[in-house]
Structure formats: C-alpha cells, structure tokens
Amino acid sequence: MPLPVETVERPLPKIDVPVYTVKIPSSGKTIKVRPFTVKEEKLLFMAAESNNLEDIITTSKQVLNNCIVNGDIDLDKMPFFDIDFLFIFLRAKSVGESVEVNLTCNNTLEDGNRCGHTFPTQMDIAKCEIVKDDSISNDIKFDKYSGVKMKYPNYALVKKLDEASEIDKKTTIIINSIEHIYDKKGVYSSKDYSSKELKDFVEGLTEENYKKMESFVDNFPTFVVKLEADCPKCGFHHVVRYSDFLDFFY
C-alpha cells in the first residue's frame, strides 16, 4: 500500500511591481508611486460607469492613496490639477501609454459640407502636461491698501461643481479660492469666516474687482493631453486637447 504523499502549504509568491518617481506640478515635490493593480483598475471602471460623482471622487482618491509608496502629501489639500496629473501619470504606467480614441473630422470641404468621417487613432497619454498662465497673479489688488490672496481649490470641490449651474459655479469657486483678504487694518483668513460671510463679501464687490477674481478662476492651470491626427478621407490635420481623465476610461 503506497504511503500518503505529504503536502506542504506554501504561500503564493508576491510579484514585485515597479516604482516610479513623479514631480507634483504645483509644489515641485517628488513622490514615489506604483502602478494601479487589476483590482484597483476595476474599481475605477465601476466608479466611472456608475456616473455617480461622489463614487468617482472617493474611488479616485482611494486608489491614488493606495499607489503612493513614499511621499508626504495630502490629496484633500492638493490643487485639483495635481490630482488629475497624478491620475493620468499612473494610468499611463499601469495600463499603457497609448489609448485608442475615435475622432470625427470637422473639416469644412470646398462644397461647404463637413467631412464628418469618423476614424480611430492612438493618443499618447504620457504626453500629459500642465498648462499654466504665469502672468496670472494670485495676489489681486483692489486698491493701494486692499485686496485678496487667492489659492487653488481642491479636487473634490472642482469635480462637484461640474454639476452646478454656471452662475452658482463661478461664485462658489471664487469663494473657495480665497486664502485671505487684506486691507490697511490687517489680514483676514478665509478659514475664520463662514461661506455666507465670504459670499456677502464677494457679492459686495464692484464689478471691476469681481472681474479680477473671476480672471484668476478662469485661468486655473489644467492638465492637457494633446493629440494630433490626419483624417484618412480628406487629409485634414486635427489637433485635439483632452482635459478630463474620464475620457481615458471609455
């Protein structure tokens, strides 16, 4: 009678994952990150397909936090464009730098009709960059003695405002972009005042001073992935700029 074969339980091996160094655009800090896992990518797909903004925000921050191997950063305090940039960087390192997209040619032909040909092309998301207008100052002066110091709002606020009306969105984002207000009597930190008090302050400004704050908000830095492709039907050269990371999940 054969002797029973003794089995030894062994844990499955853990496969090493690459670690990358990335520089945060707004601060210049460097952190180390790892790619998304398959499980994390599924979570992102599920959140995107749900069309639930809260799920998208929560899941995106959860996955990014998981992927930070080393670095002292707080995602809740980082400007929104840092989060977008970091997400696209990890997407490129995790799933691949090339994403297939379908373009519809918008070239107007000699007969006045639009070409309208739809064709597939590849987009290199590793070419992500932050576009910033350095001429826009965050120190906005109303007169010789008074003004406001502005800041960039966080990711969660900006994403939630996507569903707000344009009027509400602009005022809300201006209010949440105030770091402090100052005059010849002193400095007034925004964190010491309620949203209503800040709203009353903003709505009490002259149109000229409101426009100065509006200009800062309208010129926030943003991430852009540039795509260039020629229509195979009419030859028109397209230059397309994507600036929403959800574009890379469909």
C-alpha atoms as a PDB file:
ATOM      1  CA  MET A   1       0.000   0.000   0.000  1.00  0.00           C
ATOM      2  CA  PRO A   2       1.580   3.320  -1.078  1.00  0.00           C
ATOM      3  CA  LEU A   3       2.407   5.822   1.618  1.00  0.00           C
ATOM      4  CA  PRO A   4       0.379   9.086   1.561  1.00  0.00           C
ATOM      5  CA  VAL A   5       2.138  11.976  -0.066  1.00  0.00           C
ATOM      6  CA  GLU A   6       2.756  14.767   2.392  1.00  0.00           C
ATOM      7  CA  THR A   7       1.750  18.161   1.039  1.00  0.00           C
ATOM      8  CA  VAL A   8       3.338  21.356   2.255  1.00  0.00           C
ATOM      9  CA  GLU A   9       1.251  24.503   2.039  1.00  0.00           C
ATOM     10  CA  ARG A  10       3.233  27.405   0.653  1.00  0.00           C
ATOM     11  CA  PRO A  11       2.033  30.941   0.115  1.00  0.00           C
ATOM     12  CA  LEU A  12       1.934  32.141  -3.468  1.00  0.00           C
ATOM     13  CA  PRO A  13       4.827  34.408  -4.418  1.00  0.00           C
ATOM     14  CA  LYS A  14       4.399  38.174  -4.446  1.00  0.00           C
ATOM     15  CA  ILE A  15       5.468  39.698  -7.714  1.00  0.00           C
ATOM     16  CA  ASP A  16       7.452  42.908  -7.408  1.00  0.00           C
ATOM     17  CA  VAL A  17       5.907  45.975  -9.019  1.00  0.00           C
ATOM     18  CA  PRO A  18       7.875  48.890 -10.441  1.00  0.00           C
ATOM     19  CA  VAL A  19       8.127  52.125  -8.501  1.00  0.00           C
ATOM     20  CA  TYR A  20       8.247  55.479 -10.286  1.00  0.00           C
ATOM     21  CA  THR A  21       9.285  58.953  -9.177  1.00  0.00           C
ATOM     22  CA  VAL A  22       6.945  61.764 -10.184  1.00  0.00           C
ATOM     23  CA  LYS A  23       7.099  65.516  -9.528  1.00  0.00           C
ATOM     24  CA  ILE A  24       3.936  67.230  -8.261  1.00  0.00           C
ATOM     25  CA  PRO A  25       3.310  70.199 -10.624  1.00  0.00           C
ATOM     26  CA  SER A  26       2.161  72.815  -8.096  1.00  0.00           C
ATOM     27  CA  SER A  27       4.806  72.256  -5.420  1.00  0.00           C
ATOM     28  CA  GLY A  28       7.725  70.599  -7.230  1.00  0.00           C
ATOM     29  CA  LYS A  29       7.761  67.870  -4.547  1.00  0.00           C
ATOM     30  CA  THR A  30       8.770  64.406  -5.716  1.00  0.00           C
ATOM     31  CA  ILE A  31       6.960  61.280  -4.564  1.00  0.00           C
ATOM     32  CA  LYS A  32       7.264  57.584  -5.361  1.00  0.00           C
ATOM     33  CA  VAL A  33       4.277  55.726  -6.764  1.00  0.00           C
ATOM     34  CA  ARG A  34       3.414  52.263  -8.013  1.00  0.00           C
ATOM     35  CA  PRO A  35       1.008  51.378 -10.868  1.00  0.00           C
ATOM     36  CA  PHE A  36      -2.659  50.501 -10.365  1.00  0.00           C
ATOM     37  CA  THR A  37      -3.397  46.855  -9.607  1.00  0.00           C
ATOM     38  CA  VAL A  38      -6.019  44.981 -11.640  1.00  0.00           C
ATOM     39  CA  LYS A  39      -8.391  45.211  -8.663  1.00  0.00           C
ATOM     40  CA  GLU A  40      -7.907  48.977  -8.422  1.00  0.00           C
ATOM     41  CA  GLU A  41      -8.450  49.462 -12.133  1.00  0.00           C
ATOM     42  CA  LYS A  42     -11.737  47.565 -11.858  1.00  0.00           C
ATOM     43  CA  LEU A  43     -12.804  49.876  -9.044  1.00  0.00           C
ATOM     44  CA  LEU A  44     -12.082  52.895 -11.254  1.00  0.00           C
ATOM     45  CA  PHE A  45     -14.053  51.411 -14.151  1.00  0.00           C
ATOM     46  CA  MET A  46     -17.008  50.672 -11.897  1.00  0.00           C
ATOM     47  CA  ALA A  47     -16.961  54.200 -10.476  1.00  0.00           C
ATOM     48  CA  ALA A  48     -16.790  55.768 -13.947  1.00  0.00           C
ATOM     49  CA  GLU A  49     -19.635  53.610 -15.260  1.00  0.00           C
ATOM     50  CA  SER A  50     -21.825  54.462 -12.260  1.00  0.00           C
ATOM     51  CA  ASN A  51     -21.935  58.137 -13.308  1.00  0.00           C
ATOM     52  CA  ASN A  52     -22.116  58.893  -9.591  1.00  0.00           C
ATOM     53  CA  LEU A  53     -19.875  61.873  -8.873  1.00  0.00           C
ATOM     54  CA  GLU A  54     -19.337  61.001  -5.204  1.00  0.00           C
ATOM     55  CA  ASP A  55     -18.248  57.458  -6.165  1.00  0.00           C
ATOM     56  CA  ILE A  56     -15.841  58.784  -8.791  1.00  0.00           C
ATOM     57  CA  ILE A  57     -14.259  61.277  -6.363  1.00  0.00           C
ATOM     58  CA  THR A  58     -13.982  58.817  -3.466  1.00  0.00           C
ATOM     59  CA  THR A  59     -12.661  55.929  -5.572  1.00  0.00           C
ATOM     60  CA  SER A  60     -10.130  58.069  -7.429  1.00  0.00           C
ATOM     61  CA  LYS A  61      -8.654  59.425  -4.183  1.00  0.00           C
ATOM     62  CA  GLN A  62      -8.681  55.964  -2.588  1.00  0.00           C
ATOM     63  CA  VAL A  63      -6.762  54.419  -5.486  1.00  0.00           C
ATOM     64  CA  LEU A  64      -4.260  57.283  -5.654  1.00  0.00           C
ATOM     65  CA  ASN A  65      -3.606  56.999  -1.906  1.00  0.00           C
ATOM     66  CA  ASN A  66      -3.029  53.263  -2.319  1.00  0.00           C
ATOM     67  CA  CYS A  67      -0.480  53.878  -5.073  1.00  0.00           C
ATOM     68  CA  ILE A  68       1.647  56.419  -3.188  1.00  0.00           C
ATOM     69  CA  VAL A  69       4.632  54.428  -1.919  1.00  0.00           C
ATOM     70  CA  ASN A  70       6.582  57.277  -0.404  1.00  0.00           C
ATOM     71  CA  GLY A  71       5.840  60.979  -0.107  1.00  0.00           C
ATOM     72  CA  ASP A  72       4.342  63.462   2.311  1.00  0.00           C
ATOM     73  CA  ILE A  73       1.258  64.762   0.503  1.00  0.00           C
ATOM     74  CA  ASP A  74      -2.411  65.205   1.413  1.00  0.00           C
ATOM     75  CA  LEU A  75      -4.707  64.592  -1.552  1.00  0.00           C
ATOM     76  CA  ASP A  76      -7.536  66.536   0.111  1.00  0.00           C
ATOM     77  CA  LYS A  77      -5.390  69.681   0.235  1.00  0.00           C
ATOM     78  CA  MET A  78      -3.720  69.378  -3.172  1.00  0.00           C
ATOM     79  CA  PRO A  79      -4.935  71.569  -6.062  1.00  0.00           C
ATOM     80  CA  PHE A  80      -7.306  69.766  -8.395  1.00  0.00           C
ATOM     81  CA  PHE A  81      -4.899  69.804 -11.363  1.00  0.00           C
ATOM     82  CA  ASP A  82      -2.242  67.946  -9.328  1.00  0.00           C
ATOM     83  CA  ILE A  83      -4.721  65.102  -8.802  1.00  0.00           C
ATOM     84  CA  ASP A  84      -5.623  64.991 -12.493  1.00  0.00           C
ATOM     85  CA  PHE A  85      -1.940  64.963 -13.469  1.00  0.00           C
ATOM     86  CA  LEU A  86      -1.066  62.216 -10.988  1.00  0.00           C
ATOM     87  CA  PHE A  87      -4.006  60.120 -12.129  1.00  0.00           C
ATOM     88  CA  ILE A  88      -3.018  60.313 -15.792  1.00  0.00           C
ATOM     89  CA  PHE A  89       0.633  59.550 -14.942  1.00  0.00           C
ATOM     90  CA  LEU A  90      -0.433  56.388 -13.108  1.00  0.00           C
ATOM     91  CA  ARG A  91      -2.892  55.454 -15.870  1.00  0.00           C
ATOM     92  CA  ALA A  92      -0.041  55.579 -18.394  1.00  0.00           C
ATOM     93  CA  LYS A  93       2.290  53.480 -16.217  1.00  0.00           C
ATOM     94  CA  SER A  94      -0.423  50.977 -15.256  1.00  0.00           C
ATOM     95  CA  VAL A  95      -2.453  50.278 -18.362  1.00  0.00           C
ATOM     96  CA  GLY A  96      -0.323  51.671 -21.159  1.00  0.00           C
ATOM     97  CA  GLU A  97       0.625  54.982 -22.651  1.00  0.00           C
ATOM     98  CA  SER A  98      -1.443  54.503 -25.801  1.00  0.00           C
ATOM     99  CA  VAL A  99      -5.235  54.883 -25.797  1.00  0.00           C
ATOM    100  CA  GLU A 100      -7.384  54.355 -28.873  1.00  0.00           C
ATOM    101  CA  VAL A 101      -9.936  57.102 -29.497  1.00  0.00           C
ATOM    102  CA  ASN A 102     -12.369  57.778 -32.329  1.00  0.00           C
ATOM    103  CA  LEU A 103     -12.245  61.204 -33.963  1.00  0.00           C
ATOM    104  CA  THR A 104     -14.893  62.713 -36.198  1.00  0.00           C
ATOM    105  CA  CYS A 105     -13.427  65.038 -38.809  1.00  0.00           C
ATOM    106  CA  ASN A 106     -14.813  68.576 -38.540  1.00  0.00           C
ATOM    107  CA  ASN A 107     -13.133  69.881 -41.683  1.00  0.00           C
ATOM    108  CA  THR A 108     -15.301  72.036 -43.964  1.00  0.00           C
ATOM    109  CA  LEU A 109     -14.864  70.943 -47.597  1.00  0.00           C
ATOM    110  CA  GLU A 110     -14.837  73.152 -50.671  1.00  0.00           C
ATOM    111  CA  ASP A 111     -18.531  72.431 -51.328  1.00  0.00           C
ATOM    112  CA  GLY A 112     -19.395  73.779 -47.862  1.00  0.00           C
ATOM    113  CA  ASN A 113     -20.230  70.388 -46.376  1.00  0.00           C
ATOM    114  CA  ARG A 114     -18.462  68.939 -43.347  1.00  0.00           C
ATOM    115  CA  CYS A 115     -16.290  65.879 -43.929  1.00  0.00           C
ATOM    116  CA  GLY A 116     -17.731  64.042 -40.897  1.00  0.00           C
ATOM    117  CA  HIS A 117     -15.576  60.952 -41.364  1.00  0.00           C
ATOM    118  CA  THR A 118     -15.025  59.027 -38.097  1.00  0.00           C
ATOM    119  CA  PHE A 119     -11.713  57.240 -37.733  1.00  0.00           C
ATOM    120  CA  PRO A 120      -9.712  55.541 -34.955  1.00  0.00           C
ATOM    121  CA  THR A 121      -6.362  56.916 -33.831  1.00  0.00           C
ATOM    122  CA  GLN A 122      -3.926  56.483 -30.951  1.00  0.00           C
ATOM    123  CA  MET A 123      -3.387  59.015 -28.196  1.00  0.00           C
ATOM    124  CA  ASP A 124      -0.159  59.030 -26.172  1.00  0.00           C
ATOM    125  CA  ILE A 125      -1.264  59.982 -22.662  1.00  0.00           C
ATOM    126  CA  ALA A 126       2.354  60.039 -21.482  1.00  0.00           C
ATOM    127  CA  LYS A 127       2.446  63.465 -23.153  1.00  0.00           C
ATOM    128  CA  CYS A 128       0.307  64.912 -20.373  1.00  0.00           C
ATOM    129  CA  GLU A 129       1.323  68.416 -19.330  1.00  0.00           C
ATOM    130  CA  ILE A 130       0.097  71.192 -17.079  1.00  0.00           C
ATOM    131  CA  VAL A 131      -0.831  74.377 -18.925  1.00  0.00           C
ATOM    132  CA  LYS A 132      -0.430  77.478 -16.775  1.00  0.00           C
ATOM    133  CA  ASP A 133      -0.526  81.195 -17.493  1.00  0.00           C
ATOM    134  CA  ASP A 134       2.324  82.648 -15.420  1.00  0.00           C
ATOM    135  CA  SER A 135       1.059  86.181 -15.998  1.00  0.00           C
ATOM    136  CA  ILE A 136      -1.930  85.494 -13.718  1.00  0.00           C
ATOM    137  CA  SER A 137      -1.077  86.512 -10.148  1.00  0.00           C
ATOM    138  CA  ASN A 138      -2.741  85.074  -7.044  1.00  0.00           C
ATOM    139  CA  ASP A 139      -2.329  88.457  -5.293  1.00  0.00           C
ATOM    140  CA  ILE A 140      -5.280  90.519  -6.509  1.00  0.00           C
ATOM    141  CA  LYS A 141      -5.196  94.187  -5.551  1.00  0.00           C
ATOM    142  CA  PHE A 142      -8.399  96.198  -5.306  1.00  0.00           C
ATOM    143  CA  ASP A 143      -6.632  99.464  -4.488  1.00  0.00           C
ATOM    144  CA  LYS A 144      -3.437 100.674  -2.815  1.00  0.00           C
ATOM    145  CA  TYR A 145      -4.225  99.027   0.530  1.00  0.00           C
ATOM    146  CA  SER A 146      -6.754  96.217  -0.034  1.00  0.00           C
ATOM    147  CA  GLY A 147      -7.033  93.014  -1.972  1.00  0.00           C
ATOM    148  CA  VAL A 148      -7.198  89.210  -1.754  1.00  0.00           C
ATOM    149  CA  LYS A 149      -4.671  86.392  -1.843  1.00  0.00           C
ATOM    150  CA  MET A 150      -6.060  83.517  -3.897  1.00  0.00           C
ATOM    151  CA  LYS A 151      -5.389  79.767  -3.837  1.00  0.00           C
ATOM    152  CA  TYR A 152      -6.293  76.774  -5.999  1.00  0.00           C
ATOM    153  CA  PRO A 153      -9.325  74.757  -4.795  1.00  0.00           C
ATOM    154  CA  ASN A 154      -9.072  71.026  -4.170  1.00  0.00           C
ATOM    155  CA  TYR A 155     -10.104  68.192  -6.455  1.00  0.00           C
ATOM    156  CA  ALA A 156     -13.381  67.257  -4.731  1.00  0.00           C
ATOM    157  CA  LEU A 157     -14.767  70.802  -4.890  1.00  0.00           C
ATOM    158  CA  VAL A 158     -13.945  71.315  -8.571  1.00  0.00           C
ATOM    159  CA  LYS A 159     -15.449  67.974  -9.605  1.00  0.00           C
ATOM    160  CA  LYS A 160     -18.653  68.596  -7.643  1.00  0.00           C
ATOM    161  CA  LEU A 161     -19.050  71.973  -9.325  1.00  0.00           C
ATOM    162  CA  ASP A 162     -19.284  70.233 -12.702  1.00  0.00           C
ATOM    163  CA  GLU A 163     -22.957  69.635 -11.897  1.00  0.00           C
ATOM    164  CA  ALA A 164     -23.718  73.191 -10.725  1.00  0.00           C
ATOM    165  CA  SER A 165     -25.176  75.980 -12.851  1.00  0.00           C
ATOM    166  CA  GLU A 166     -22.662  78.361 -14.388  1.00  0.00           C
ATOM    167  CA  ILE A 167     -23.657  81.296 -12.127  1.00  0.00           C
ATOM    168  CA  ASP A 168     -23.505  79.249  -8.923  1.00  0.00           C
ATOM    169  CA  LYS A 169     -20.306  77.539 -10.045  1.00  0.00           C
ATOM    170  CA  LYS A 170     -18.374  80.744 -10.651  1.00  0.00           C
ATOM    171  CA  THR A 171     -19.305  82.398  -7.345  1.00  0.00           C
ATOM    172  CA  THR A 172     -18.727  79.213  -5.334  1.00  0.00           C
ATOM    173  CA  ILE A 173     -15.338  78.567  -6.840  1.00  0.00           C
ATOM    174  CA  ILE A 174     -14.252  82.187  -6.278  1.00  0.00           C
ATOM    175  CA  ILE A 175     -15.293  81.963  -2.620  1.00  0.00           C
ATOM    176  CA  ASN A 176     -13.407  78.700  -2.154  1.00  0.00           C
ATOM    177  CA  SER A 177     -10.327  80.129  -3.850  1.00  0.00           C
ATOM    178  CA  ILE A 178      -9.838  82.909  -1.300  1.00  0.00           C
ATOM    179  CA  GLU A 179      -6.900  82.280   1.004  1.00  0.00           C
ATOM    180  CA  HIS A 180      -7.159  85.593   2.811  1.00  0.00           C
ATOM    181  CA  ILE A 181      -8.438  89.143   2.435  1.00  0.00           C
ATOM    182  CA  TYR A 182      -6.362  92.141   3.479  1.00  0.00           C
ATOM    183  CA  ASP A 183      -6.620  95.893   3.947  1.00  0.00           C
ATOM    184  CA  LYS A 184      -4.619  98.531   5.823  1.00  0.00           C
ATOM    185  CA  LYS A 185      -6.066  97.283   9.126  1.00  0.00           C
ATOM    186  CA  GLY A 186      -4.919  93.696   8.796  1.00  0.00           C
ATOM    187  CA  VAL A 187      -5.276  90.235   7.219  1.00  0.00           C
ATOM    188  CA  TYR A 188      -8.495  88.180   7.372  1.00  0.00           C
ATOM    189  CA  SER A 189      -8.044  84.428   6.796  1.00  0.00           C
ATOM    190  CA  SER A 190     -10.907  82.796   4.891  1.00  0.00           C
ATOM    191  CA  LYS A 191     -10.950  79.830   7.285  1.00  0.00           C
ATOM    192  CA  ASP A 192     -12.103  82.157  10.067  1.00  0.00           C
ATOM    193  CA  TYR A 193     -15.293  83.136   8.228  1.00  0.00           C
ATOM    194  CA  SER A 194     -18.422  81.293   7.116  1.00  0.00           C
ATOM    195  CA  SER A 195     -19.334  80.637   3.491  1.00  0.00           C
ATOM    196  CA  LYS A 196     -22.162  83.152   3.815  1.00  0.00           C
ATOM    197  CA  GLU A 197     -19.814  85.868   5.092  1.00  0.00           C
ATOM    198  CA  LEU A 198     -17.402  85.227   2.230  1.00  0.00           C
ATOM    199  CA  LYS A 199     -20.262  85.192  -0.279  1.00  0.00           C
ATOM    200  CA  ASP A 200     -21.534  88.522   1.050  1.00  0.00           C
ATOM    201  CA  PHE A 201     -18.021  89.941   0.704  1.00  0.00           C
ATOM    202  CA  VAL A 202     -17.658  88.762  -2.906  1.00  0.00           C
ATOM    203  CA  GLU A 203     -21.134  89.881  -3.939  1.00  0.00           C
ATOM    204  CA  GLY A 204     -20.472  93.280  -2.351  1.00  0.00           C
ATOM    205  CA  LEU A 205     -17.509  93.983  -4.629  1.00  0.00           C
ATOM    206  CA  THR A 206     -17.630  96.335  -7.569  1.00  0.00           C
ATOM    207  CA  GLU A 207     -17.886  94.695 -10.978  1.00  0.00           C
ATOM    208  CA  GLU A 208     -14.290  95.723 -11.713  1.00  0.00           C
ATOM    209  CA  ASN A 209     -12.882  93.974  -8.633  1.00  0.00           C
ATOM    210  CA  TYR A 210     -15.099  90.913  -9.113  1.00  0.00           C
ATOM    211  CA  LYS A 211     -13.740  90.581 -12.668  1.00  0.00           C
ATOM    212  CA  LYS A 212     -10.186  90.499 -11.267  1.00  0.00           C
ATOM    213  CA  MET A 213     -11.063  87.489  -9.108  1.00  0.00           C
ATOM    214  CA  GLU A 214     -13.004  85.920 -11.953  1.00  0.00           C
ATOM    215  CA  SER A 215      -9.937  86.181 -14.198  1.00  0.00           C
ATOM    216  CA  PHE A 216      -7.885  84.167 -11.699  1.00  0.00           C
ATOM    217  CA  VAL A 217     -10.531  81.412 -11.640  1.00  0.00           C
ATOM    218  CA  ASP A 218     -10.977  81.387 -15.421  1.00  0.00           C
ATOM    219  CA  ASN A 219      -7.247  80.845 -15.863  1.00  0.00           C
ATOM    220  CA  PHE A 220      -6.654  77.964 -13.444  1.00  0.00           C
ATOM    221  CA  PRO A 221      -3.827  75.648 -14.521  1.00  0.00           C
ATOM    222  CA  THR A 222      -5.145  72.500 -16.186  1.00  0.00           C
ATOM    223  CA  PHE A 223      -3.717  69.229 -17.427  1.00  0.00           C
ATOM    224  CA  VAL A 224      -3.859  68.618 -21.159  1.00  0.00           C
ATOM    225  CA  VAL A 225      -3.130  65.588 -23.322  1.00  0.00           C
ATOM    226  CA  LYS A 226      -2.505  66.701 -26.889  1.00  0.00           C
ATOM    227  CA  LEU A 227      -3.481  64.501 -29.831  1.00  0.00           C
ATOM    228  CA  GLU A 228      -2.605  65.151 -33.481  1.00  0.00           C
ATOM    229  CA  ALA A 229      -4.019  63.066 -36.331  1.00  0.00           C
ATOM    230  CA  ASP A 230      -4.793  63.351 -40.047  1.00  0.00           C
ATOM    231  CA  CYS A 231      -8.194  62.387 -41.414  1.00  0.00           C
ATOM    232  CA  PRO A 232      -7.634  59.452 -43.814  1.00  0.00           C
ATOM    233  CA  LYS A 233     -10.508  60.643 -46.016  1.00  0.00           C
ATOM    234  CA  CYS A 234      -9.774  64.347 -46.596  1.00  0.00           C
ATOM    235  CA  GLY A 235      -6.298  64.695 -45.064  1.00  0.00           C
ATOM    236  CA  PHE A 236      -7.290  67.458 -42.597  1.00  0.00           C
ATOM    237  CA  HIS A 237      -4.826  67.767 -39.700  1.00  0.00           C
ATOM    238  CA  HIS A 238      -6.570  67.662 -36.317  1.00  0.00           C
ATOM    239  CA  VAL A 239      -5.134  68.963 -33.038  1.00  0.00           C
ATOM    240  CA  VAL A 240      -7.290  67.857 -30.090  1.00  0.00           C
ATOM    241  CA  ARG A 241      -6.678  68.559 -26.412  1.00  0.00           C
ATOM    242  CA  TYR A 242      -8.227  66.324 -23.766  1.00  0.00           C
ATOM    243  CA  SER A 243      -8.545  67.636 -20.215  1.00  0.00           C
ATOM    244  CA  ASP A 244     -10.878  65.224 -18.388  1.00  0.00           C
ATOM    245  CA  PHE A 245      -9.423  61.980 -17.077  1.00  0.00           C
ATOM    246  CA  LEU A 246     -12.787  60.211 -17.514  1.00  0.00           C
ATOM    247  CA  ASP A 247     -12.059  60.356 -21.249  1.00  0.00           C
ATOM    248  CA  PHE A 248      -9.495  57.612 -20.661  1.00  0.00           C
ATOM    249  CA  PHE A 249     -11.968  55.075 -19.213  1.00  0.00           C
ATOM    250  CA  TYR A 250     -14.385  54.673 -22.099  1.00  0.00           C
END
